[in-house]
Amino acid sequence: MKLSTKGRYAVMAMVDLAATSEGQPIALADIAERQEISLSYLEQLFAKLRRGGLVRSVRGPGGGYLLARTPEETRVSDVILAVDEPIRATRCTPGSPAGCKSNKARCLTHDLWEELGNQIHLYLGSVSLQDVVARQVRSTGFPPTMAPKPTMGAAAE
């Protein structure tokens, strides 16, 4: 599964906003510069975030954007869904009984990928913007692989 730039950039911008606003509106141009994201692309994303109720705009001098909820209340999944980014790993249309195969049947791995999408959504729903700002999201990683130890042959040649 790949998250598009739309979802990644929206999360990056919202984390930036959560980290820098301190109750004051932040101009999109400032976020665009810090995050190295096109200003026109951010304007499109923030229009969706505003419609989704995640940010509010302040007009006039010193205007910009503020979070509509606290960073603790704003989940990463909310941000991704607000910019119309589906959180799914199947090729099938969400909620459709039809599968992704040409005969409308579901492939053998459908349930595997559908559950992966569910787990990703659960995980992103458990992470708040504040968790990201406070660097409380840690990679659990995988345990280091243990390389097989060389064995000594019975006879050294």
N, C-alpha and C. Protein backbone atom coordinates (compact mmCIF):
# COMPACT_ATOMS: atom_id res chain seq x y z
N MET A 1 0.84 -1.18 0.00
CA MET A 1 0.00 0.00 0.00
C MET A 1 0.88 1.24 0.00
N LYS A 2 0.50 2.20 -0.76
CA LYS A 2 1.26 3.45 -0.83
C LYS A 2 0.33 4.61 -0.52
N LEU A 3 0.76 5.46 0.37
CA LEU A 3 0.02 6.67 0.68
C LEU A 3 0.49 7.74 -0.29
N SER A 4 -0.44 8.42 -0.93
CA SER A 4 -0.06 9.42 -1.93
C SER A 4 0.50 10.67 -1.25
N THR A 5 1.04 11.55 -2.09
CA THR A 5 1.57 12.80 -1.56
C THR A 5 0.47 13.63 -0.91
N LYS A 6 -0.76 13.47 -1.40
CA LYS A 6 -1.88 14.23 -0.83
C LYS A 6 -1.99 13.94 0.68
N GLY A 7 -2.01 12.68 1.04
CA GLY A 7 -2.12 12.30 2.45
C GLY A 7 -0.87 12.65 3.24
N ARG A 8 0.29 12.35 2.68
CA ARG A 8 1.54 12.64 3.39
C ARG A 8 1.73 14.14 3.61
N TYR A 9 1.50 14.93 2.57
CA TYR A 9 1.68 16.37 2.70
C TYR A 9 0.67 16.98 3.66
N ALA A 10 -0.55 16.50 3.64
CA ALA A 10 -1.56 17.02 4.57
C ALA A 10 -1.14 16.75 6.01
N VAL A 11 -0.64 15.56 6.28
CA VAL A 11 -0.19 15.24 7.65
C VAL A 11 1.02 16.09 8.01
N MET A 12 1.97 16.22 7.09
CA MET A 12 3.16 17.05 7.36
C MET A 12 2.75 18.48 7.71
N ALA A 13 1.84 19.05 6.93
CA ALA A 13 1.41 20.43 7.14
C ALA A 13 0.65 20.58 8.45
N MET A 14 -0.19 19.61 8.77
CA MET A 14 -0.96 19.68 10.02
C MET A 14 -0.06 19.52 11.23
N VAL A 15 0.95 18.67 11.15
CA VAL A 15 1.90 18.54 12.26
C VAL A 15 2.69 19.83 12.41
N ASP A 16 3.09 20.44 11.30
CA ASP A 16 3.78 21.73 11.34
C ASP A 16 2.90 22.77 12.02
N LEU A 17 1.64 22.83 11.63
CA LEU A 17 0.69 23.78 12.22
C LEU A 17 0.55 23.53 13.72
N ALA A 18 0.44 22.28 14.11
CA ALA A 18 0.31 21.94 15.53
C ALA A 18 1.57 22.33 16.31
N ALA A 19 2.72 22.18 15.68
CA ALA A 19 3.98 22.45 16.36
C ALA A 19 4.32 23.93 16.46
N THR A 20 3.81 24.74 15.53
CA THR A 20 4.26 26.13 15.46
C THR A 20 3.23 27.19 15.81
N SER A 21 1.95 26.85 15.84
CA SER A 21 0.93 27.91 15.93
C SER A 21 0.86 28.59 17.30
N GLU A 22 0.99 27.87 18.38
CA GLU A 22 0.89 28.45 19.73
C GLU A 22 -0.31 29.39 19.84
N GLY A 23 -1.43 29.00 19.23
CA GLY A 23 -2.65 29.79 19.32
C GLY A 23 -2.74 30.94 18.34
N GLN A 24 -1.71 31.14 17.54
CA GLN A 24 -1.70 32.21 16.55
C GLN A 24 -1.84 31.62 15.15
N PRO A 25 -2.57 32.30 14.26
CA PRO A 25 -2.71 31.80 12.89
C PRO A 25 -1.34 31.71 12.20
N ILE A 26 -1.19 30.70 11.39
CA ILE A 26 0.05 30.49 10.65
C ILE A 26 -0.27 30.59 9.16
N ALA A 27 0.52 31.37 8.45
CA ALA A 27 0.34 31.53 7.01
C ALA A 27 0.77 30.26 6.28
N LEU A 28 0.00 29.88 5.28
CA LEU A 28 0.35 28.69 4.50
C LEU A 28 1.72 28.84 3.84
N ALA A 29 2.08 30.06 3.48
CA ALA A 29 3.39 30.27 2.86
C ALA A 29 4.52 29.85 3.81
N ASP A 30 4.33 30.07 5.10
CA ASP A 30 5.35 29.67 6.08
C ASP A 30 5.45 28.15 6.17
N ILE A 31 4.29 27.49 6.19
CA ILE A 31 4.28 26.02 6.23
C ILE A 31 4.90 25.47 4.96
N ALA A 32 4.52 26.06 3.82
CA ALA A 32 5.04 25.60 2.53
C ALA A 32 6.56 25.69 2.50
N GLU A 33 7.10 26.77 3.02
CA GLU A 33 8.55 26.95 3.02
C GLU A 33 9.23 25.94 3.96
N ARG A 34 8.72 25.80 5.17
CA ARG A 34 9.33 24.88 6.14
C ARG A 34 9.27 23.43 5.69
N GLN A 35 8.14 23.06 5.07
CA GLN A 35 7.93 21.66 4.70
C GLN A 35 8.31 21.37 3.24
N GLU A 36 8.71 22.41 2.52
CA GLU A 36 9.10 22.28 1.12
C GLU A 36 7.98 21.64 0.29
N ILE A 37 6.80 22.25 0.44
CA ILE A 37 5.61 21.83 -0.29
C ILE A 37 5.11 23.03 -1.09
N SER A 38 4.65 22.79 -2.29
CA SER A 38 4.12 23.86 -3.13
C SER A 38 2.97 24.58 -2.42
N LEU A 39 3.01 25.91 -2.43
CA LEU A 39 1.97 26.71 -1.78
C LEU A 39 0.60 26.45 -2.43
N SER A 40 0.54 26.36 -3.74
CA SER A 40 -0.75 26.13 -4.40
C SER A 40 -1.31 24.75 -4.03
N TYR A 41 -0.44 23.77 -3.86
CA TYR A 41 -0.89 22.43 -3.46
C TYR A 41 -1.42 22.48 -2.02
N LEU A 42 -0.72 23.19 -1.14
CA LEU A 42 -1.19 23.34 0.25
C LEU A 42 -2.54 24.06 0.30
N GLU A 43 -2.73 25.05 -0.54
CA GLU A 43 -4.02 25.76 -0.56
C GLU A 43 -5.16 24.80 -0.89
N GLN A 44 -4.93 23.89 -1.83
CA GLN A 44 -5.94 22.90 -2.18
C GLN A 44 -6.20 21.96 -1.00
N LEU A 45 -5.13 21.50 -0.36
CA LEU A 45 -5.27 20.59 0.78
C LEU A 45 -5.99 21.27 1.94
N PHE A 46 -5.63 22.52 2.23
CA PHE A 46 -6.24 23.21 3.36
C PHE A 46 -7.70 23.55 3.10
N ALA A 47 -8.09 23.70 1.85
CA ALA A 47 -9.51 23.90 1.55
C ALA A 47 -10.27 22.64 1.97
N LYS A 48 -9.71 21.48 1.70
CA LYS A 48 -10.36 20.22 2.10
C LYS A 48 -10.30 20.04 3.62
N LEU A 49 -9.20 20.40 4.22
CA LEU A 49 -9.08 20.28 5.69
C LEU A 49 -10.07 21.22 6.39
N ARG A 50 -10.30 22.40 5.80
CA ARG A 50 -11.27 23.34 6.36
C ARG A 50 -12.68 22.78 6.24
N ARG A 51 -13.01 22.25 5.05
CA ARG A 51 -14.32 21.63 4.86
C ARG A 51 -14.51 20.43 5.78
N GLY A 52 -13.43 19.75 6.10
CA GLY A 52 -13.48 18.60 7.00
C GLY A 52 -13.52 18.98 8.47
N GLY A 53 -13.48 20.28 8.75
CA GLY A 53 -13.57 20.75 10.13
C GLY A 53 -12.30 20.58 10.95
N LEU A 54 -11.16 20.43 10.28
CA LEU A 54 -9.91 20.23 11.01
C LEU A 54 -9.11 21.51 11.20
N VAL A 55 -9.34 22.50 10.35
CA VAL A 55 -8.67 23.80 10.50
C VAL A 55 -9.71 24.89 10.31
N ARG A 56 -9.36 26.07 10.79
CA ARG A 56 -10.19 27.24 10.53
C ARG A 56 -9.26 28.35 10.05
N SER A 57 -9.80 29.18 9.19
CA SER A 57 -8.99 30.25 8.61
C SER A 57 -9.28 31.57 9.32
N VAL A 58 -8.25 32.39 9.37
CA VAL A 58 -8.36 33.74 9.93
C VAL A 58 -7.93 34.69 8.82
N ARG A 59 -8.81 35.60 8.45
CA ARG A 59 -8.52 36.53 7.35
C ARG A 59 -7.85 37.80 7.87
N GLY A 60 -7.26 38.49 6.93
CA GLY A 60 -6.68 39.80 7.24
C GLY A 60 -5.21 39.72 7.60
N PRO A 61 -4.65 40.90 7.95
CA PRO A 61 -3.23 40.94 8.33
C PRO A 61 -2.98 40.03 9.53
N GLY A 62 -1.94 39.28 9.46
CA GLY A 62 -1.65 38.34 10.55
C GLY A 62 -2.53 37.11 10.50
N GLY A 63 -3.27 36.95 9.40
CA GLY A 63 -4.16 35.81 9.26
C GLY A 63 -3.41 34.55 8.86
N GLY A 64 -4.18 33.50 8.74
CA GLY A 64 -3.62 32.22 8.37
C GLY A 64 -4.56 31.13 8.82
N TYR A 65 -4.00 30.03 9.28
CA TYR A 65 -4.80 28.90 9.70
C TYR A 65 -4.47 28.49 11.12
N LEU A 66 -5.51 28.00 11.78
CA LEU A 66 -5.41 27.43 13.13
C LEU A 66 -6.04 26.05 13.11
N LEU A 67 -5.61 25.20 14.01
CA LEU A 67 -6.29 23.92 14.19
C LEU A 67 -7.68 24.18 14.74
N ALA A 68 -8.66 23.44 14.27
CA ALA A 68 -10.02 23.60 14.78
C ALA A 68 -10.19 22.84 16.09
N ARG A 69 -9.36 21.84 16.32
CA ARG A 69 -9.38 21.07 17.57
C ARG A 69 -7.96 21.05 18.11
N THR A 70 -7.80 20.60 19.31
CA THR A 70 -6.46 20.53 19.88
C THR A 70 -5.64 19.46 19.16
N PRO A 71 -4.32 19.57 19.21
CA PRO A 71 -3.48 18.54 18.61
C PRO A 71 -3.72 17.15 19.21
N GLU A 72 -4.10 17.12 20.48
CA GLU A 72 -4.38 15.84 21.14
C GLU A 72 -5.65 15.19 20.60
N GLU A 73 -6.59 16.01 20.16
CA GLU A 73 -7.87 15.52 19.66
C GLU A 73 -7.86 15.20 18.16
N THR A 74 -6.86 15.67 17.47
CA THR A 74 -6.81 15.50 16.01
C THR A 74 -5.97 14.27 15.67
N ARG A 75 -6.61 13.30 15.07
CA ARG A 75 -5.97 12.04 14.71
C ARG A 75 -5.42 12.11 13.30
N VAL A 76 -4.32 11.42 13.08
CA VAL A 76 -3.71 11.37 11.75
C VAL A 76 -4.71 10.82 10.74
N SER A 77 -5.50 9.83 11.13
CA SER A 77 -6.50 9.26 10.21
C SER A 77 -7.52 10.32 9.80
N ASP A 78 -7.88 11.24 10.71
CA ASP A 78 -8.82 12.32 10.37
C ASP A 78 -8.27 13.19 9.24
N VAL A 79 -6.98 13.48 9.33
CA VAL A 79 -6.33 14.33 8.33
C VAL A 79 -6.34 13.64 6.98
N ILE A 80 -5.95 12.38 6.96
CA ILE A 80 -5.87 11.64 5.70
C ILE A 80 -7.25 11.51 5.07
N LEU A 81 -8.24 11.19 5.87
CA LEU A 81 -9.59 11.04 5.33
C LEU A 81 -10.17 12.38 4.86
N ALA A 82 -9.80 13.47 5.51
CA ALA A 82 -10.32 14.79 5.13
C ALA A 82 -9.85 15.21 3.75
N VAL A 83 -8.69 14.75 3.33
CA VAL A 83 -8.18 15.12 2.00
C VAL A 83 -8.53 14.03 0.97
N ASP A 84 -9.53 13.22 1.32
CA ASP A 84 -10.05 12.20 0.41
C ASP A 84 -9.04 11.12 0.06
N GLU A 85 -8.17 10.82 0.99
CA GLU A 85 -7.18 9.77 0.78
C GLU A 85 -7.73 8.48 1.36
N PRO A 86 -8.03 7.49 0.52
CA PRO A 86 -8.55 6.24 1.08
C PRO A 86 -7.48 5.48 1.84
N ILE A 87 -7.88 4.89 2.95
CA ILE A 87 -6.96 4.04 3.71
C ILE A 87 -7.40 2.61 3.43
N ARG A 88 -6.87 2.06 2.38
CA ARG A 88 -7.23 0.70 2.02
C ARG A 88 -6.08 0.06 1.25
N ALA A 89 -6.07 -1.25 1.25
CA ALA A 89 -5.00 -1.96 0.58
C ALA A 89 -5.52 -2.91 -0.50
N THR A 90 -6.83 -2.95 -0.71
CA THR A 90 -7.38 -3.81 -1.75
C THR A 90 -7.58 -3.02 -3.03
N ARG A 91 -7.75 -3.73 -4.13
CA ARG A 91 -8.07 -3.08 -5.40
C ARG A 91 -9.57 -2.84 -5.51
N CYS A 92 -10.34 -3.50 -4.66
CA CYS A 92 -11.80 -3.45 -4.74
C CYS A 92 -12.33 -2.10 -4.25
N THR A 93 -13.50 -1.76 -4.70
CA THR A 93 -14.18 -0.56 -4.25
C THR A 93 -14.67 -0.79 -2.82
N PRO A 94 -14.34 0.11 -1.88
CA PRO A 94 -14.77 -0.08 -0.49
C PRO A 94 -16.29 -0.22 -0.39
N GLY A 95 -16.73 -1.20 0.38
CA GLY A 95 -18.15 -1.40 0.63
C GLY A 95 -18.89 -2.13 -0.47
N SER A 96 -18.22 -2.38 -1.58
CA SER A 96 -18.87 -3.07 -2.69
C SER A 96 -18.75 -4.58 -2.50
N PRO A 97 -19.85 -5.31 -2.75
CA PRO A 97 -19.76 -6.76 -2.65
C PRO A 97 -18.98 -7.36 -3.83
N ALA A 98 -18.82 -6.57 -4.89
CA ALA A 98 -18.09 -7.06 -6.06
C ALA A 98 -16.60 -7.04 -5.78
N GLY A 99 -15.94 -8.04 -6.28
CA GLY A 99 -14.49 -8.14 -6.10
C GLY A 99 -13.73 -7.46 -7.22
N CYS A 100 -12.43 -7.61 -7.17
CA CYS A 100 -11.56 -6.90 -8.11
C CYS A 100 -11.27 -7.71 -9.37
N LYS A 101 -11.67 -8.95 -9.41
CA LYS A 101 -11.39 -9.77 -10.59
C LYS A 101 -12.38 -9.44 -11.70
N SER A 102 -12.03 -9.78 -12.92
CA SER A 102 -12.87 -9.43 -14.07
C SER A 102 -14.27 -10.05 -13.98
N ASN A 103 -14.39 -11.19 -13.30
CA ASN A 103 -15.71 -11.81 -13.13
C ASN A 103 -16.42 -11.32 -11.87
N LYS A 104 -15.90 -10.26 -11.27
CA LYS A 104 -16.45 -9.62 -10.06
C LYS A 104 -16.28 -10.45 -8.80
N ALA A 105 -15.50 -11.52 -8.89
CA ALA A 105 -15.21 -12.34 -7.70
C ALA A 105 -14.07 -11.71 -6.93
N ARG A 106 -14.01 -12.04 -5.67
CA ARG A 106 -12.89 -11.56 -4.84
C ARG A 106 -11.71 -12.51 -4.99
N CYS A 107 -10.54 -11.94 -5.00
CA CYS A 107 -9.34 -12.77 -5.11
C CYS A 107 -9.10 -13.50 -3.79
N LEU A 108 -8.25 -14.49 -3.81
CA LEU A 108 -7.98 -15.29 -2.61
C LEU A 108 -7.37 -14.47 -1.48
N THR A 109 -6.69 -13.40 -1.82
CA THR A 109 -6.02 -12.60 -0.79
C THR A 109 -6.83 -11.38 -0.35
N HIS A 110 -8.06 -11.27 -0.82
CA HIS A 110 -8.87 -10.09 -0.51
C HIS A 110 -8.96 -9.83 0.99
N ASP A 111 -9.30 -10.83 1.77
CA ASP A 111 -9.47 -10.64 3.21
C ASP A 111 -8.17 -10.21 3.87
N LEU A 112 -7.05 -10.73 3.40
CA LEU A 112 -5.74 -10.33 3.93
C LEU A 112 -5.53 -8.83 3.74
N TRP A 113 -5.71 -8.35 2.51
CA TRP A 113 -5.48 -6.93 2.23
C TRP A 113 -6.52 -6.03 2.88
N GLU A 114 -7.75 -6.51 2.94
CA GLU A 114 -8.78 -5.72 3.60
C GLU A 114 -8.47 -5.54 5.09
N GLU A 115 -8.02 -6.60 5.73
CA GLU A 115 -7.67 -6.50 7.15
C GLU A 115 -6.43 -5.63 7.35
N LEU A 116 -5.48 -5.68 6.43
CA LEU A 116 -4.32 -4.79 6.52
C LEU A 116 -4.78 -3.34 6.48
N GLY A 117 -5.69 -3.01 5.58
CA GLY A 117 -6.23 -1.66 5.52
C GLY A 117 -6.92 -1.27 6.82
N ASN A 118 -7.66 -2.21 7.41
CA ASN A 118 -8.32 -1.95 8.70
C ASN A 118 -7.29 -1.67 9.79
N GLN A 119 -6.22 -2.45 9.81
CA GLN A 119 -5.18 -2.26 10.83
C GLN A 119 -4.46 -0.93 10.65
N ILE A 120 -4.21 -0.55 9.42
CA ILE A 120 -3.57 0.75 9.16
C ILE A 120 -4.48 1.87 9.66
N HIS A 121 -5.77 1.76 9.35
CA HIS A 121 -6.72 2.78 9.80
C HIS A 121 -6.77 2.83 11.33
N LEU A 122 -6.79 1.68 11.99
CA LEU A 122 -6.78 1.65 13.46
C LEU A 122 -5.53 2.31 14.02
N TYR A 123 -4.38 2.00 13.42
CA TYR A 123 -3.13 2.58 13.90
C TYR A 123 -3.13 4.10 13.71
N LEU A 124 -3.45 4.57 12.51
CA LEU A 124 -3.45 6.01 12.27
C LEU A 124 -4.50 6.72 13.12
N GLY A 125 -5.57 6.01 13.47
CA GLY A 125 -6.58 6.57 14.36
C GLY A 125 -6.13 6.62 15.81
N SER A 126 -5.08 5.90 16.14
CA SER A 126 -4.56 5.90 17.51
C SER A 126 -3.46 6.94 17.71
N VAL A 127 -3.03 7.58 16.63
CA VAL A 127 -1.93 8.55 16.70
C VAL A 127 -2.49 9.96 16.51
N SER A 128 -2.21 10.83 17.47
CA SER A 128 -2.65 12.22 17.37
C SER A 128 -1.54 13.10 16.79
N LEU A 129 -1.92 14.29 16.37
CA LEU A 129 -0.89 15.24 15.92
C LEU A 129 0.09 15.52 17.06
N GLN A 130 -0.42 15.59 18.29
CA GLN A 130 0.45 15.85 19.43
C GLN A 130 1.47 14.72 19.62
N ASP A 131 1.05 13.48 19.38
CA ASP A 131 1.99 12.36 19.47
C ASP A 131 3.16 12.56 18.51
N VAL A 132 2.85 13.03 17.30
CA VAL A 132 3.89 13.23 16.29
C VAL A 132 4.77 14.42 16.69
N VAL A 133 4.14 15.52 17.11
CA VAL A 133 4.90 16.71 17.52
C VAL A 133 5.85 16.37 18.68
N ALA A 134 5.35 15.59 19.63
CA ALA A 134 6.15 15.23 20.82
C ALA A 134 7.10 14.07 20.56
N ARG A 135 7.12 13.62 19.32
CA ARG A 135 7.99 12.50 18.92
C ARG A 135 7.73 11.26 19.77
N GLN A 136 6.44 11.01 20.02
CA GLN A 136 6.04 9.84 20.78
C GLN A 136 5.63 8.68 19.88
N VAL A 137 5.87 8.84 18.60
CA VAL A 137 5.62 7.76 17.66
C VAL A 137 6.98 7.16 17.35
N ARG A 138 7.18 5.98 17.82
CA ARG A 138 8.47 5.33 17.64
C ARG A 138 8.30 4.10 16.76
N SER A 139 9.29 3.86 15.97
CA SER A 139 9.29 2.66 15.16
C SER A 139 9.63 1.49 16.06
N THR A 140 8.77 0.49 16.01
CA THR A 140 9.09 -0.71 16.79
C THR A 140 10.12 -1.52 16.06
N GLY A 141 10.17 -1.35 14.77
CA GLY A 141 11.15 -2.05 13.97
C GLY A 141 11.04 -3.56 14.12
N PHE A 142 11.93 -4.20 13.49
CA PHE A 142 11.99 -5.64 13.60
C PHE A 142 13.25 -5.98 14.37
N PRO A 143 13.24 -7.08 15.10
CA PRO A 143 14.46 -7.44 15.80
C PRO A 143 15.58 -7.66 14.80
N PRO A 144 16.79 -7.28 15.17
CA PRO A 144 17.90 -7.48 14.22
C PRO A 144 18.03 -8.96 13.90
N THR A 145 18.27 -9.20 12.65
CA THR A 145 18.44 -10.60 12.26
C THR A 145 19.79 -11.07 12.74
N MET A 146 19.78 -12.25 13.16
CA MET A 146 21.03 -12.82 13.64
C MET A 146 21.64 -13.61 12.50
N ALA A 147 22.79 -13.17 12.10
CA ALA A 147 23.49 -13.87 11.02
C ALA A 147 23.96 -15.21 11.55
N PRO A 148 23.87 -16.22 10.72
CA PRO A 148 24.35 -17.52 11.18
C PRO A 148 25.83 -17.43 11.50
N LYS A 149 26.18 -18.04 12.60
CA LYS A 149 27.59 -18.03 13.01
C LYS A 149 28.35 -19.03 12.14
N PRO A 150 29.52 -18.65 11.73
CA PRO A 150 30.29 -19.60 10.92
C PRO A 150 30.63 -20.83 11.76
N THR A 151 30.53 -21.94 11.14
CA THR A 151 30.87 -23.17 11.84
C THR A 151 32.26 -23.61 11.44
N MET A 152 32.92 -24.17 12.37
CA MET A 152 34.26 -24.67 12.10
C MET A 152 34.12 -26.06 11.49
N GLY A 153 34.73 -26.26 10.40
CA GLY A 153 34.71 -27.59 9.76
C GLY A 153 35.49 -28.58 10.60
N ALA A 154 35.25 -29.83 10.40
CA ALA A 154 35.93 -30.87 11.17
C ALA A 154 37.43 -30.84 10.90
N ALA A 155 37.77 -30.49 9.69
CA ALA A 155 39.21 -30.45 9.38
C ALA A 155 39.52 -29.14 8.67
N ALA A 156 40.50 -28.46 9.16
CA ALA A 156 40.89 -27.21 8.54
C ALA A 156 41.80 -27.52 7.37
N GLU A 157 41.55 -26.91 6.26
CA GLU A 157 42.38 -27.21 5.09
C GLU A 157 43.34 -26.13 4.80
